[in-house]
Amino acid sequence: LRKYLRQNGVQPSLSLKIQKQIVERILADTRLSQQDVPVLALLSTKLRANLWCEIYAPRLMSEPVLMMCDGVDDLLLGDICNSDTVMTQSVGPGHLIFNPNTY
């Protein structure tokens, strides 16, 4: 980065600010996604299913309709946790989550 900034004639004061921000963002404690941990693919299907339930079940059970459905069907929550429909996504400040102009 320093070499790039120097080669492109970036003023030292701006270069220092850029380097400082890059270091801060690299050191920031960011939330990892499943894709950031490729070794999870090495887990057995059963152990991976247990992991997904451990991660997703508490969040899903906070929804009253899912809590009610889980009371009727004990396997429902496990099925939802182990499907491809549940995922987490981290977003930073300023990211658009909902677009009011889409349906």
Protein backbone atom coordinates (compact mmCIF):
# COMPACT_ATOMS: atom_id res chain seq x y z
CA LEU A 1 0.00 0.00 0.00
CA ARG A 2 2.77 2.42 0.91
CA LYS A 3 4.56 1.71 -2.35
CA TYR A 4 1.34 2.25 -4.32
CA LEU A 5 0.65 5.54 -2.59
CA ARG A 6 4.23 6.72 -3.02
CA GLN A 7 4.35 5.70 -6.72
CA ASN A 8 1.15 7.66 -7.35
CA GLY A 9 2.39 10.80 -5.65
CA VAL A 10 -0.09 10.80 -2.80
CA GLN A 11 0.76 13.49 -0.25
CA PRO A 12 2.30 12.11 2.96
CA SER A 13 -0.49 13.51 5.16
CA LEU A 14 -3.19 11.80 3.08
CA SER A 15 -1.07 8.67 2.78
CA LEU A 16 -0.82 8.46 6.57
CA LYS A 17 -4.61 8.84 6.97
CA ILE A 18 -5.21 6.11 4.38
CA GLN A 19 -2.74 3.73 6.01
CA LYS A 20 -4.22 4.36 9.45
CA GLN A 21 -7.77 3.61 8.22
CA ILE A 22 -6.63 0.43 6.46
CA VAL A 23 -4.91 -0.83 9.61
CA GLU A 24 -7.99 -0.03 11.72
CA ARG A 25 -10.26 -1.92 9.35
CA ILE A 26 -7.93 -4.90 9.14
CA LEU A 27 -7.77 -5.12 12.93
CA ALA A 28 -11.52 -4.57 13.41
CA ASP A 29 -13.32 -7.51 14.96
CA THR A 30 -15.52 -8.50 12.04
CA ARG A 31 -18.08 -11.28 12.15
CA LEU A 32 -17.10 -14.34 10.14
CA SER A 33 -19.51 -16.09 7.79
CA GLN A 34 -19.61 -19.78 6.95
CA GLN A 35 -17.74 -19.02 3.74
CA ASP A 36 -14.89 -17.53 5.78
CA VAL A 37 -14.34 -20.89 7.52
CA PRO A 38 -13.90 -23.48 4.73
CA VAL A 39 -12.94 -26.25 7.18
CA LEU A 40 -16.60 -26.46 8.23
CA ALA A 41 -17.15 -28.42 5.01
CA LEU A 42 -15.00 -31.18 6.54
CA LEU A 43 -17.54 -31.84 9.31
CA SER A 44 -19.79 -34.86 9.11
CA THR A 45 -23.35 -34.12 8.03
CA LYS A 46 -24.67 -34.87 11.52
CA LEU A 47 -22.14 -32.67 13.31
CA ARG A 48 -22.69 -29.84 10.82
CA ALA A 49 -26.47 -30.15 11.38
CA ASN A 50 -25.92 -29.86 15.14
CA LEU A 51 -23.77 -26.78 14.59
CA TRP A 52 -26.37 -25.04 12.41
CA CYS A 53 -29.10 -25.75 14.97
CA GLU A 54 -26.91 -24.39 17.74
CA ILE A 55 -26.30 -21.21 15.75
CA TYR A 56 -29.71 -20.57 14.18
CA ALA A 57 -32.30 -22.06 16.56
CA PRO A 58 -32.15 -19.30 19.20
CA ARG A 59 -32.70 -16.62 16.56
CA LEU A 60 -35.49 -18.54 14.88
CA MET A 61 -37.23 -19.28 18.18
CA SER A 62 -37.49 -15.55 18.83
CA GLU A 63 -40.17 -15.48 16.13
CA PRO A 64 -43.56 -16.33 17.70
CA VAL A 65 -44.90 -18.13 14.63
CA LEU A 66 -41.85 -20.41 14.47
CA MET A 67 -42.03 -21.04 18.20
CA MET A 68 -45.66 -22.10 17.82
CA CYS A 69 -44.88 -24.31 14.81
CA ASP A 70 -41.98 -25.91 16.67
CA GLY A 71 -44.38 -26.85 19.45
CA VAL A 72 -46.50 -28.73 16.92
CA ASP A 73 -43.64 -30.32 14.94
CA ASP A 74 -40.46 -31.13 16.90
CA LEU A 75 -38.48 -31.66 13.69
CA LEU A 76 -39.44 -28.40 12.01
CA LEU A 77 -36.76 -26.24 13.59
CA GLY A 78 -34.03 -28.75 12.75
CA ASP A 79 -35.27 -28.93 9.17
CA ILE A 80 -35.22 -25.16 8.86
CA CYS A 81 -31.76 -24.84 10.44
CA ASN A 82 -30.31 -27.42 8.08
CA SER A 83 -31.88 -26.06 4.91
CA ASP A 84 -30.23 -23.61 2.56
CA THR A 85 -32.87 -21.02 3.42
CA VAL A 86 -31.26 -19.85 6.66
CA MET A 87 -28.11 -17.76 6.64
CA THR A 88 -26.62 -14.85 8.46
CA GLN A 89 -25.33 -11.77 6.77
CA SER A 90 -23.40 -8.99 8.41
CA VAL A 91 -23.78 -5.48 7.12
CA GLY A 92 -21.93 -2.36 8.05
CA PRO A 93 -23.13 1.15 8.67
CA GLY A 94 -24.69 2.74 5.62
CA HIS A 95 -25.56 -0.53 3.85
CA LEU A 96 -29.05 -0.69 2.39
CA ILE A 97 -30.95 -3.63 3.88
CA PHE A 98 -34.48 -2.93 2.64
CA ASN A 99 -35.24 -1.00 -0.50
CA PRO A 100 -38.69 0.61 -0.21
CA ASN A 101 -39.00 0.74 -4.01
CA THR A 102 -38.92 -3.03 -4.53
CA TYR A 103 -41.72 -5.50 -3.97
